[in-house]
Amino acid sequence: MNAKLSFLHWQRRIAAVIGVACLAVGVGTSSMALGQDQSVATLNDIVFARKTLMVSIANNMYPIDQMRETGKFDLPRGRASADAISAMLMAFPLLFPPTTNTWTDKAPRDPAVDTFASPTIWQEYTFFYKQAQASSKYAFDLSHAEDVPAFRRLATELRLACDTCHAAFQKNN
């Protein structure tokens, strides 16, 4: 990776971490409130924030998957989606503080605010964190794919990384 891309990668990382931190502690509050009592963010707020972030990741992954499936590639659009995914995945594991490990098997849950995160995330947090960072790197590399064959290969790697993480760390009722 050249120096300019490395700088941009770290610049995006810092912006993503700051953005997620603000989202995690200030969901539903104004930026002026961030200097005030931040205990207003409930567990449901944090879970909702990570669900919202995952929906945004998925919304950016859909056109990439569609390009792979149809063979109709729009590289600028795909690169932009991959770049957004990369930034979001850098911040994603930070939305899993131990207090949000609230999974109870067979419990009724509200899909909007209750967690579907497997307790395995907190048992293997280092692995989970490294997987998210590796997936972010796949997406970053995809955002710089120079041609269709490279884009297709990297998009497949990113999809595999996403599916592997979901299989390991997402619960479904």
N, C-alpha and C. Protein backbone atom coordinates (compact mmCIF):
# COMPACT_ATOMS: atom_id res chain seq x y z
N MET A 1 0.85 -1.15 0.00
CA MET A 1 0.00 0.00 0.00
C MET A 1 0.91 1.23 0.00
N ASN A 2 0.64 2.15 -0.87
CA ASN A 2 1.50 3.32 -0.91
C ASN A 2 1.19 4.25 0.26
N ALA A 3 2.08 5.24 0.49
CA ALA A 3 1.96 6.12 1.65
C ALA A 3 0.64 6.88 1.67
N LYS A 4 0.18 7.36 0.50
CA LYS A 4 -1.06 8.11 0.44
C LYS A 4 -2.24 7.23 0.85
N LEU A 5 -2.31 6.00 0.34
CA LEU A 5 -3.41 5.10 0.69
C LEU A 5 -3.33 4.73 2.17
N SER A 6 -2.12 4.53 2.69
CA SER A 6 -1.97 4.21 4.10
C SER A 6 -2.48 5.35 4.97
N PHE A 7 -2.13 6.60 4.60
CA PHE A 7 -2.61 7.76 5.35
C PHE A 7 -4.13 7.83 5.30
N LEU A 8 -4.71 7.64 4.12
CA LEU A 8 -6.17 7.69 3.99
C LEU A 8 -6.83 6.59 4.81
N HIS A 9 -6.21 5.40 4.83
CA HIS A 9 -6.75 4.29 5.60
C HIS A 9 -6.81 4.66 7.08
N TRP A 10 -5.74 5.22 7.63
CA TRP A 10 -5.71 5.61 9.04
C TRP A 10 -6.61 6.79 9.31
N GLN A 11 -6.71 7.71 8.37
CA GLN A 11 -7.59 8.86 8.53
C GLN A 11 -9.05 8.38 8.62
N ARG A 12 -9.42 7.45 7.76
CA ARG A 12 -10.77 6.87 7.80
C ARG A 12 -11.00 6.12 9.10
N ARG A 13 -9.97 5.41 9.57
CA ARG A 13 -10.09 4.63 10.80
C ARG A 13 -10.39 5.57 11.97
N ILE A 14 -9.66 6.65 12.07
CA ILE A 14 -9.86 7.60 13.15
C ILE A 14 -11.26 8.21 13.06
N ALA A 15 -11.67 8.62 11.88
CA ALA A 15 -13.00 9.21 11.70
C ALA A 15 -14.10 8.20 12.07
N ALA A 16 -13.91 6.95 11.69
CA ALA A 16 -14.91 5.92 11.99
C ALA A 16 -15.01 5.68 13.49
N VAL A 17 -13.89 5.61 14.17
CA VAL A 17 -13.89 5.38 15.61
C VAL A 17 -14.57 6.55 16.33
N ILE A 18 -14.25 7.76 15.93
CA ILE A 18 -14.88 8.93 16.55
C ILE A 18 -16.38 8.91 16.28
N GLY A 19 -16.76 8.61 15.05
CA GLY A 19 -18.18 8.58 14.70
C GLY A 19 -18.95 7.54 15.47
N VAL A 20 -18.39 6.34 15.60
CA VAL A 20 -19.07 5.28 16.33
C VAL A 20 -19.12 5.60 17.81
N ALA A 21 -18.06 6.16 18.35
CA ALA A 21 -18.07 6.53 19.77
C ALA A 21 -19.17 7.54 20.04
N CYS A 22 -19.30 8.51 19.15
CA CYS A 22 -20.37 9.51 19.31
C CYS A 22 -21.73 8.85 19.18
N LEU A 23 -21.87 7.92 18.24
CA LEU A 23 -23.13 7.23 18.06
C LEU A 23 -23.46 6.37 19.26
N ALA A 24 -22.47 5.67 19.79
CA ALA A 24 -22.70 4.76 20.91
C ALA A 24 -23.11 5.49 22.18
N VAL A 25 -22.52 6.64 22.43
CA VAL A 25 -22.84 7.34 23.67
C VAL A 25 -23.88 8.43 23.49
N GLY A 26 -24.16 8.79 22.27
CA GLY A 26 -25.06 9.92 22.07
C GLY A 26 -26.23 9.66 21.17
N VAL A 27 -26.63 8.40 21.00
CA VAL A 27 -27.76 8.10 20.15
C VAL A 27 -28.97 8.87 20.66
N GLY A 28 -29.54 9.66 19.75
CA GLY A 28 -30.73 10.41 20.10
C GLY A 28 -30.45 11.71 20.84
N THR A 29 -29.18 12.08 20.99
CA THR A 29 -28.86 13.33 21.66
C THR A 29 -28.15 14.24 20.70
N SER A 30 -28.13 15.52 21.01
CA SER A 30 -27.42 16.46 20.16
C SER A 30 -25.95 16.42 20.48
N SER A 31 -25.11 16.98 19.60
CA SER A 31 -23.68 16.99 19.85
C SER A 31 -23.34 17.83 21.08
N MET A 32 -24.17 18.79 21.44
CA MET A 32 -23.92 19.58 22.65
C MET A 32 -24.03 18.71 23.89
N ALA A 33 -24.83 17.68 23.84
CA ALA A 33 -25.04 16.83 25.01
C ALA A 33 -23.88 15.88 25.25
N LEU A 34 -22.98 15.72 24.29
CA LEU A 34 -21.89 14.77 24.47
C LEU A 34 -20.99 15.12 25.64
N GLY A 35 -20.88 16.39 25.99
CA GLY A 35 -20.06 16.78 27.12
C GLY A 35 -20.79 16.62 28.44
N GLN A 36 -22.03 16.24 28.40
CA GLN A 36 -22.85 16.10 29.59
C GLN A 36 -22.92 14.64 30.00
N ASP A 37 -23.84 14.32 30.87
CA ASP A 37 -24.02 12.95 31.36
C ASP A 37 -24.28 12.01 30.19
N GLN A 38 -23.35 11.10 29.97
CA GLN A 38 -23.47 10.19 28.85
C GLN A 38 -24.07 8.85 29.24
N SER A 39 -24.52 8.73 30.47
CA SER A 39 -25.11 7.48 30.91
C SER A 39 -26.52 7.30 30.36
N VAL A 40 -27.00 8.28 29.59
CA VAL A 40 -28.34 8.16 29.03
C VAL A 40 -28.41 7.10 27.94
N ALA A 41 -27.26 6.73 27.36
CA ALA A 41 -27.26 5.69 26.34
C ALA A 41 -27.52 4.35 27.02
N THR A 42 -28.63 3.75 26.66
CA THR A 42 -28.99 2.46 27.26
C THR A 42 -28.38 1.32 26.46
N LEU A 43 -28.46 0.13 27.01
CA LEU A 43 -28.00 -1.06 26.28
C LEU A 43 -28.74 -1.17 24.96
N ASN A 44 -30.04 -0.88 24.97
CA ASN A 44 -30.82 -0.95 23.73
C ASN A 44 -30.33 0.06 22.71
N ASP A 45 -29.89 1.24 23.17
CA ASP A 45 -29.34 2.24 22.25
C ASP A 45 -28.09 1.71 21.56
N ILE A 46 -27.23 1.07 22.31
CA ILE A 46 -25.98 0.54 21.74
C ILE A 46 -26.29 -0.58 20.76
N VAL A 47 -27.18 -1.48 21.15
CA VAL A 47 -27.57 -2.57 20.25
C VAL A 47 -28.21 -2.00 18.99
N PHE A 48 -29.07 -1.01 19.15
CA PHE A 48 -29.71 -0.37 18.00
C PHE A 48 -28.67 0.29 17.10
N ALA A 49 -27.67 0.92 17.69
CA ALA A 49 -26.61 1.56 16.91
C ALA A 49 -25.84 0.53 16.09
N ARG A 50 -25.51 -0.60 16.68
CA ARG A 50 -24.76 -1.60 15.90
C ARG A 50 -25.65 -2.26 14.85
N LYS A 51 -26.94 -2.41 15.14
CA LYS A 51 -27.85 -2.94 14.12
C LYS A 51 -27.95 -1.96 12.95
N THR A 52 -28.02 -0.67 13.28
CA THR A 52 -28.09 0.35 12.24
C THR A 52 -26.83 0.34 11.39
N LEU A 53 -25.69 0.21 12.04
CA LEU A 53 -24.43 0.15 11.30
C LEU A 53 -24.38 -1.10 10.41
N MET A 54 -24.86 -2.23 10.92
CA MET A 54 -24.85 -3.46 10.11
C MET A 54 -25.80 -3.34 8.93
N VAL A 55 -26.93 -2.68 9.10
CA VAL A 55 -27.85 -2.46 7.98
C VAL A 55 -27.16 -1.60 6.92
N SER A 56 -26.42 -0.60 7.35
CA SER A 56 -25.68 0.24 6.39
C SER A 56 -24.61 -0.56 5.66
N ILE A 57 -23.95 -1.45 6.37
CA ILE A 57 -22.96 -2.33 5.73
C ILE A 57 -23.67 -3.20 4.69
N ALA A 58 -24.78 -3.80 5.09
CA ALA A 58 -25.52 -4.67 4.17
C ALA A 58 -26.01 -3.89 2.95
N ASN A 59 -26.51 -2.68 3.16
CA ASN A 59 -26.99 -1.88 2.03
C ASN A 59 -25.87 -1.55 1.06
N ASN A 60 -24.66 -1.45 1.55
CA ASN A 60 -23.51 -1.21 0.66
C ASN A 60 -23.01 -2.51 0.04
N MET A 61 -23.29 -3.63 0.68
CA MET A 61 -22.85 -4.92 0.14
C MET A 61 -23.78 -5.42 -0.97
N TYR A 62 -25.05 -5.05 -0.92
CA TYR A 62 -26.00 -5.53 -1.92
C TYR A 62 -25.56 -5.23 -3.36
N PRO A 63 -25.17 -4.00 -3.70
CA PRO A 63 -24.76 -3.77 -5.09
C PRO A 63 -23.49 -4.54 -5.47
N ILE A 64 -22.61 -4.77 -4.52
CA ILE A 64 -21.40 -5.55 -4.80
C ILE A 64 -21.77 -6.99 -5.10
N ASP A 65 -22.64 -7.57 -4.28
CA ASP A 65 -23.11 -8.94 -4.53
C ASP A 65 -23.83 -9.02 -5.87
N GLN A 66 -24.66 -8.02 -6.17
CA GLN A 66 -25.40 -8.02 -7.43
C GLN A 66 -24.44 -7.99 -8.62
N MET A 67 -23.38 -7.21 -8.52
CA MET A 67 -22.38 -7.15 -9.60
C MET A 67 -21.73 -8.51 -9.79
N ARG A 68 -21.39 -9.17 -8.70
CA ARG A 68 -20.78 -10.50 -8.79
C ARG A 68 -21.74 -11.49 -9.44
N GLU A 69 -23.00 -11.43 -9.06
CA GLU A 69 -23.99 -12.40 -9.54
C GLU A 69 -24.37 -12.17 -10.99
N THR A 70 -24.46 -10.91 -11.41
CA THR A 70 -24.92 -10.62 -12.77
C THR A 70 -23.77 -10.46 -13.76
N GLY A 71 -22.57 -10.21 -13.25
CA GLY A 71 -21.45 -9.94 -14.14
C GLY A 71 -21.47 -8.54 -14.73
N LYS A 72 -22.40 -7.71 -14.26
CA LYS A 72 -22.49 -6.31 -14.72
C LYS A 72 -21.82 -5.43 -13.67
N PHE A 73 -20.60 -5.03 -13.95
CA PHE A 73 -19.79 -4.31 -12.97
C PHE A 73 -19.81 -2.81 -13.22
N ASP A 74 -20.05 -2.08 -12.15
CA ASP A 74 -19.93 -0.63 -12.13
C ASP A 74 -18.84 -0.35 -11.10
N LEU A 75 -17.60 -0.34 -11.56
CA LEU A 75 -16.47 -0.26 -10.64
C LEU A 75 -16.50 0.99 -9.76
N PRO A 76 -16.80 2.17 -10.28
CA PRO A 76 -16.85 3.33 -9.37
C PRO A 76 -17.88 3.15 -8.24
N ARG A 77 -19.06 2.65 -8.58
CA ARG A 77 -20.07 2.43 -7.55
C ARG A 77 -19.63 1.35 -6.57
N GLY A 78 -19.08 0.27 -7.09
CA GLY A 78 -18.61 -0.82 -6.24
C GLY A 78 -17.48 -0.39 -5.32
N ARG A 79 -16.56 0.40 -5.85
CA ARG A 79 -15.45 0.90 -5.03
C ARG A 79 -15.98 1.80 -3.91
N ALA A 80 -16.93 2.66 -4.23
CA ALA A 80 -17.50 3.56 -3.22
C ALA A 80 -18.20 2.75 -2.12
N SER A 81 -18.95 1.75 -2.51
CA SER A 81 -19.62 0.89 -1.52
C SER A 81 -18.60 0.18 -0.64
N ALA A 82 -17.56 -0.35 -1.26
CA ALA A 82 -16.53 -1.06 -0.51
C ALA A 82 -15.80 -0.13 0.45
N ASP A 83 -15.56 1.10 0.02
CA ASP A 83 -14.89 2.07 0.88
C ASP A 83 -15.74 2.35 2.12
N ALA A 84 -17.03 2.52 1.94
CA ALA A 84 -17.93 2.75 3.07
C ALA A 84 -17.95 1.54 4.00
N ILE A 85 -18.00 0.35 3.43
CA ILE A 85 -17.99 -0.87 4.24
C ILE A 85 -16.71 -0.94 5.06
N SER A 86 -15.59 -0.63 4.44
CA SER A 86 -14.31 -0.70 5.15
C SER A 86 -14.32 0.20 6.38
N ALA A 87 -14.75 1.42 6.22
CA ALA A 87 -14.78 2.36 7.35
C ALA A 87 -15.72 1.87 8.45
N MET A 88 -16.88 1.36 8.07
CA MET A 88 -17.85 0.90 9.07
C MET A 88 -17.34 -0.32 9.81
N LEU A 89 -16.68 -1.24 9.10
CA LEU A 89 -16.18 -2.45 9.75
C LEU A 89 -15.04 -2.16 10.73
N MET A 90 -14.31 -1.08 10.49
CA MET A 90 -13.27 -0.71 11.45
C MET A 90 -13.88 -0.35 12.80
N ALA A 91 -15.03 0.27 12.77
CA ALA A 91 -15.68 0.72 13.99
C ALA A 91 -16.62 -0.31 14.59
N PHE A 92 -17.11 -1.23 13.80
CA PHE A 92 -18.17 -2.16 14.22
C PHE A 92 -17.89 -2.89 15.53
N PRO A 93 -16.72 -3.50 15.72
CA PRO A 93 -16.53 -4.26 16.97
C PRO A 93 -16.53 -3.39 18.23
N LEU A 94 -16.37 -2.08 18.07
CA LEU A 94 -16.38 -1.19 19.22
C LEU A 94 -17.78 -1.03 19.80
N LEU A 95 -18.77 -1.49 19.07
CA LEU A 95 -20.16 -1.42 19.54
C LEU A 95 -20.59 -2.68 20.27
N PHE A 96 -19.61 -3.42 20.80
CA PHE A 96 -19.90 -4.66 21.52
C PHE A 96 -19.30 -4.63 22.92
N PRO A 97 -19.65 -3.62 23.73
CA PRO A 97 -19.14 -3.65 25.11
C PRO A 97 -19.72 -4.87 25.83
N PRO A 98 -19.02 -5.40 26.82
CA PRO A 98 -19.50 -6.61 27.52
C PRO A 98 -20.91 -6.46 28.10
N THR A 99 -21.32 -5.26 28.44
CA THR A 99 -22.65 -5.07 29.01
C THR A 99 -23.77 -5.37 28.02
N THR A 100 -23.43 -5.46 26.72
CA THR A 100 -24.47 -5.75 25.73
C THR A 100 -24.57 -7.25 25.42
N ASN A 101 -23.89 -8.07 26.19
CA ASN A 101 -23.99 -9.52 26.06
C ASN A 101 -25.24 -9.97 26.79
N THR A 102 -26.38 -9.81 26.14
CA THR A 102 -27.67 -10.06 26.78
C THR A 102 -28.46 -11.19 26.13
N TRP A 103 -27.81 -12.00 25.32
CA TRP A 103 -28.53 -13.08 24.64
C TRP A 103 -29.07 -14.08 25.65
N THR A 104 -30.33 -14.43 25.51
CA THR A 104 -30.96 -15.49 26.28
C THR A 104 -31.64 -16.39 25.28
N ASP A 105 -31.26 -17.66 25.29
CA ASP A 105 -31.80 -18.60 24.32
C ASP A 105 -33.32 -18.71 24.45
N LYS A 106 -34.00 -18.70 23.33
CA LYS A 106 -35.45 -18.86 23.20
C LYS A 106 -36.27 -17.74 23.87
N ALA A 107 -35.63 -16.64 24.21
CA ALA A 107 -36.36 -15.52 24.81
C ALA A 107 -37.03 -14.72 23.70
N PRO A 108 -38.24 -14.20 23.96
CA PRO A 108 -38.84 -13.31 22.95
C PRO A 108 -38.00 -12.04 22.85
N ARG A 109 -37.81 -11.56 21.64
CA ARG A 109 -36.99 -10.36 21.48
C ARG A 109 -37.55 -9.48 20.39
N ASP A 110 -37.29 -8.22 20.56
CA ASP A 110 -37.68 -7.21 19.59
C ASP A 110 -36.54 -7.09 18.58
N PRO A 111 -36.77 -7.41 17.31
CA PRO A 111 -35.69 -7.36 16.32
C PRO A 111 -35.04 -5.99 16.19
N ALA A 112 -35.75 -4.94 16.56
CA ALA A 112 -35.19 -3.59 16.42
C ALA A 112 -34.15 -3.28 17.49
N VAL A 113 -34.34 -3.77 18.69
CA VAL A 113 -33.45 -3.36 19.77
C VAL A 113 -32.77 -4.49 20.52
N ASP A 114 -33.27 -5.70 20.43
CA ASP A 114 -32.66 -6.80 21.17
C ASP A 114 -31.53 -7.42 20.35
N THR A 115 -30.56 -7.93 21.05
CA THR A 115 -29.37 -8.47 20.40
C THR A 115 -29.60 -9.83 19.77
N PHE A 116 -28.93 -10.05 18.67
CA PHE A 116 -28.83 -11.36 18.06
C PHE A 116 -27.36 -11.78 18.02
N ALA A 117 -26.56 -11.08 18.80
CA ALA A 117 -25.13 -11.38 18.89
C ALA A 117 -24.94 -12.58 19.80
N SER A 118 -24.18 -13.54 19.33
CA SER A 118 -23.89 -14.73 20.11
C SER A 118 -22.95 -14.39 21.26
N PRO A 119 -23.16 -15.00 22.43
CA PRO A 119 -22.22 -14.80 23.53
C PRO A 119 -20.78 -15.16 23.16
N THR A 120 -20.63 -15.91 22.10
CA THR A 120 -19.29 -16.27 21.62
C THR A 120 -18.46 -15.03 21.31
N ILE A 121 -19.10 -13.94 20.90
CA ILE A 121 -18.37 -12.71 20.60
C ILE A 121 -17.52 -12.29 21.80
N TRP A 122 -18.12 -12.33 22.99
CA TRP A 122 -17.40 -11.85 24.17
C TRP A 122 -16.43 -12.91 24.69
N GLN A 123 -16.73 -14.18 24.44
CA GLN A 123 -15.80 -15.24 24.83
C GLN A 123 -14.56 -15.24 23.94
N GLU A 124 -14.74 -14.81 22.69
CA GLU A 124 -13.64 -14.80 21.71
C GLU A 124 -13.51 -13.40 21.10
N TYR A 125 -13.57 -12.38 21.95
CA TYR A 125 -13.59 -11.02 21.45
C TYR A 125 -12.37 -10.67 20.61
N THR A 126 -11.20 -11.11 21.02
CA THR A 126 -9.98 -10.80 20.26
C THR A 126 -10.10 -11.34 18.84
N PHE A 127 -10.60 -12.56 18.71
CA PHE A 127 -10.80 -13.17 17.39
C PHE A 127 -11.85 -12.38 16.59
N PHE A 128 -12.96 -12.05 17.25
CA PHE A 128 -14.02 -11.27 16.60
C PHE A 128 -13.48 -9.93 16.10
N TYR A 129 -12.73 -9.25 16.96
CA TYR A 129 -12.16 -7.95 16.59
C TYR A 129 -11.23 -8.09 15.39
N LYS A 130 -10.36 -9.11 15.42
CA LYS A 130 -9.43 -9.32 14.31
C LYS A 130 -10.17 -9.68 13.03
N GLN A 131 -11.25 -10.43 13.13
CA GLN A 131 -12.05 -10.77 11.95
C GLN A 131 -12.68 -9.52 11.34
N ALA A 132 -13.19 -8.64 12.18
CA ALA A 132 -13.79 -7.39 11.68
C ALA A 132 -12.72 -6.54 11.00
N GLN A 133 -11.54 -6.47 11.59
CA GLN A 133 -10.47 -5.67 11.00
C GLN A 133 -9.99 -6.29 9.68
N ALA A 134 -9.90 -7.62 9.63
CA ALA A 134 -9.51 -8.29 8.38
C ALA A 134 -10.56 -8.04 7.30
N SER A 135 -11.82 -8.09 7.68
CA SER A 135 -12.90 -7.82 6.71
C SER A 135 -12.83 -6.38 6.23
N SER A 136 -12.51 -5.48 7.14
CA SER A 136 -12.33 -4.08 6.75
C SER A 136 -11.22 -3.95 5.72
N LYS A 137 -10.16 -4.70 5.91
CA LYS A 137 -9.03 -4.66 4.96
C LYS A 137 -9.45 -5.25 3.61
N TYR A 138 -10.22 -6.33 3.60
CA TYR A 138 -10.74 -6.86 2.33
C TYR A 138 -11.55 -5.78 1.61
N ALA A 139 -12.42 -5.10 2.36
CA ALA A 139 -13.25 -4.06 1.75
C ALA A 139 -12.39 -2.89 1.26
N PHE A 140 -11.37 -2.53 2.03
CA PHE A 140 -10.47 -1.46 1.62
C PHE A 140 -9.76 -1.84 0.32
N ASP A 141 -9.24 -3.07 0.26
CA ASP A 141 -8.57 -3.53 -0.96
C ASP A 141 -9.55 -3.54 -2.13
N LEU A 142 -10.79 -3.96 -1.87
CA LEU A 142 -11.82 -3.97 -2.90
C LEU A 142 -12.09 -2.55 -3.41
N SER A 143 -12.04 -1.58 -2.51
CA SER A 143 -12.30 -0.20 -2.91
C SER A 143 -11.20 0.36 -3.81
N HIS A 144 -10.11 -0.37 -3.92
CA HIS A 144 -9.00 0.05 -4.78
C HIS A 144 -8.73 -0.94 -5.90
N ALA A 145 -9.68 -1.84 -6.15
CA ALA A 145 -9.51 -2.82 -7.23
C ALA A 145 -9.36 -2.08 -8.56
N GLU A 146 -8.35 -2.47 -9.32
CA GLU A 146 -8.05 -1.74 -10.56
C GLU A 146 -8.82 -2.23 -11.77
N ASP A 147 -9.36 -3.47 -11.68
CA ASP A 147 -10.06 -4.01 -12.84
C ASP A 147 -11.12 -5.00 -12.37
N VAL A 148 -11.92 -5.46 -13.32
CA VAL A 148 -13.03 -6.37 -12.99
C VAL A 148 -12.55 -7.69 -12.38
N PRO A 149 -11.53 -8.36 -12.91
CA PRO A 149 -11.11 -9.61 -12.28
C PRO A 149 -10.67 -9.41 -10.82
N ALA A 150 -9.94 -8.35 -10.54
CA ALA A 150 -9.52 -8.09 -9.16
C ALA A 150 -10.73 -7.76 -8.30
N PHE A 151 -11.66 -6.97 -8.84
CA PHE A 151 -12.87 -6.62 -8.10
C PHE A 151 -13.67 -7.89 -7.78
N ARG A 152 -13.85 -8.75 -8.75
CA ARG A 152 -14.62 -9.99 -8.54
C ARG A 152 -13.97 -10.85 -7.46
N ARG A 153 -12.66 -11.02 -7.52
CA ARG A 153 -11.93 -11.85 -6.55
C ARG A 153 -12.05 -11.27 -5.15
N LEU A 154 -11.82 -9.97 -5.02
CA LEU A 154 -11.87 -9.33 -3.71
C LEU A 154 -13.30 -9.27 -3.16
N ALA A 155 -14.27 -9.09 -4.03
CA ALA A 155 -15.67 -9.09 -3.59
C ALA A 155 -16.06 -10.46 -3.06
N THR A 156 -15.56 -11.51 -3.69
CA THR A 156 -15.82 -12.87 -3.22
C THR A 156 -15.18 -13.09 -1.86
N GLU A 157 -13.96 -12.59 -1.67
CA GLU A 157 -13.28 -12.72 -0.37
C GLU A 157 -14.05 -11.97 0.71
N LEU A 158 -14.53 -10.78 0.39
CA LEU A 158 -15.30 -10.00 1.37
C LEU A 158 -16.59 -10.72 1.72
N ARG A 159 -17.31 -11.23 0.74
CA ARG A 159 -18.56 -11.95 1.01
C ARG A 159 -18.29 -13.16 1.90
N LEU A 160 -17.23 -13.91 1.62
CA LEU A 160 -16.87 -15.07 2.43
C LEU A 160 -16.57 -14.64 3.87
N ALA A 161 -15.83 -13.55 4.04
CA ALA A 161 -15.51 -13.06 5.38
C ALA A 161 -16.78 -12.69 6.14
N CYS A 162 -17.70 -12.01 5.46
CA CYS A 162 -18.97 -11.63 6.09
C CYS A 162 -19.76 -12.87 6.52
N ASP A 163 -19.91 -13.81 5.60
CA ASP A 163 -20.68 -15.01 5.89
C ASP A 163 -20.06 -15.83 7.02
N THR A 164 -18.73 -15.90 7.06
CA THR A 164 -18.04 -16.65 8.10
C THR A 164 -18.28 -16.01 9.46
N CYS A 165 -18.21 -14.69 9.53
CA CYS A 165 -18.44 -13.98 10.78
C CYS A 165 -19.88 -14.16 11.25
N HIS A 166 -20.82 -14.03 10.33
CA HIS A 166 -22.23 -14.22 10.70
C HIS A 166 -22.48 -15.63 11.22
N ALA A 167 -21.88 -16.62 10.57
CA ALA A 167 -22.07 -18.01 11.01
C ALA A 167 -21.52 -18.23 12.42
N ALA A 168 -20.41 -17.57 12.72
CA ALA A 168 -19.78 -17.77 14.02
C ALA A 168 -20.40 -16.94 15.14
N PHE A 169 -20.87 -15.76 14.82
CA PHE A 169 -21.21 -14.81 15.88
C PHE A 169 -22.63 -14.28 15.89
N GLN A 170 -23.48 -14.73 14.97
CA GLN A 170 -24.85 -14.24 14.94
C GLN A 170 -25.81 -15.34 15.32
N LYS A 171 -26.70 -15.05 16.25
CA LYS A 171 -27.73 -16.00 16.68
C LYS A 171 -29.00 -15.72 15.89
N ASN A 172 -29.73 -16.78 15.63
CA ASN A 172 -31.05 -16.65 15.00
C ASN A 172 -32.03 -17.49 15.79
N ASN A 173 -33.22 -16.98 15.96
CA ASN A 173 -34.27 -17.77 16.63
C ASN A 173 -35.01 -18.57 15.60
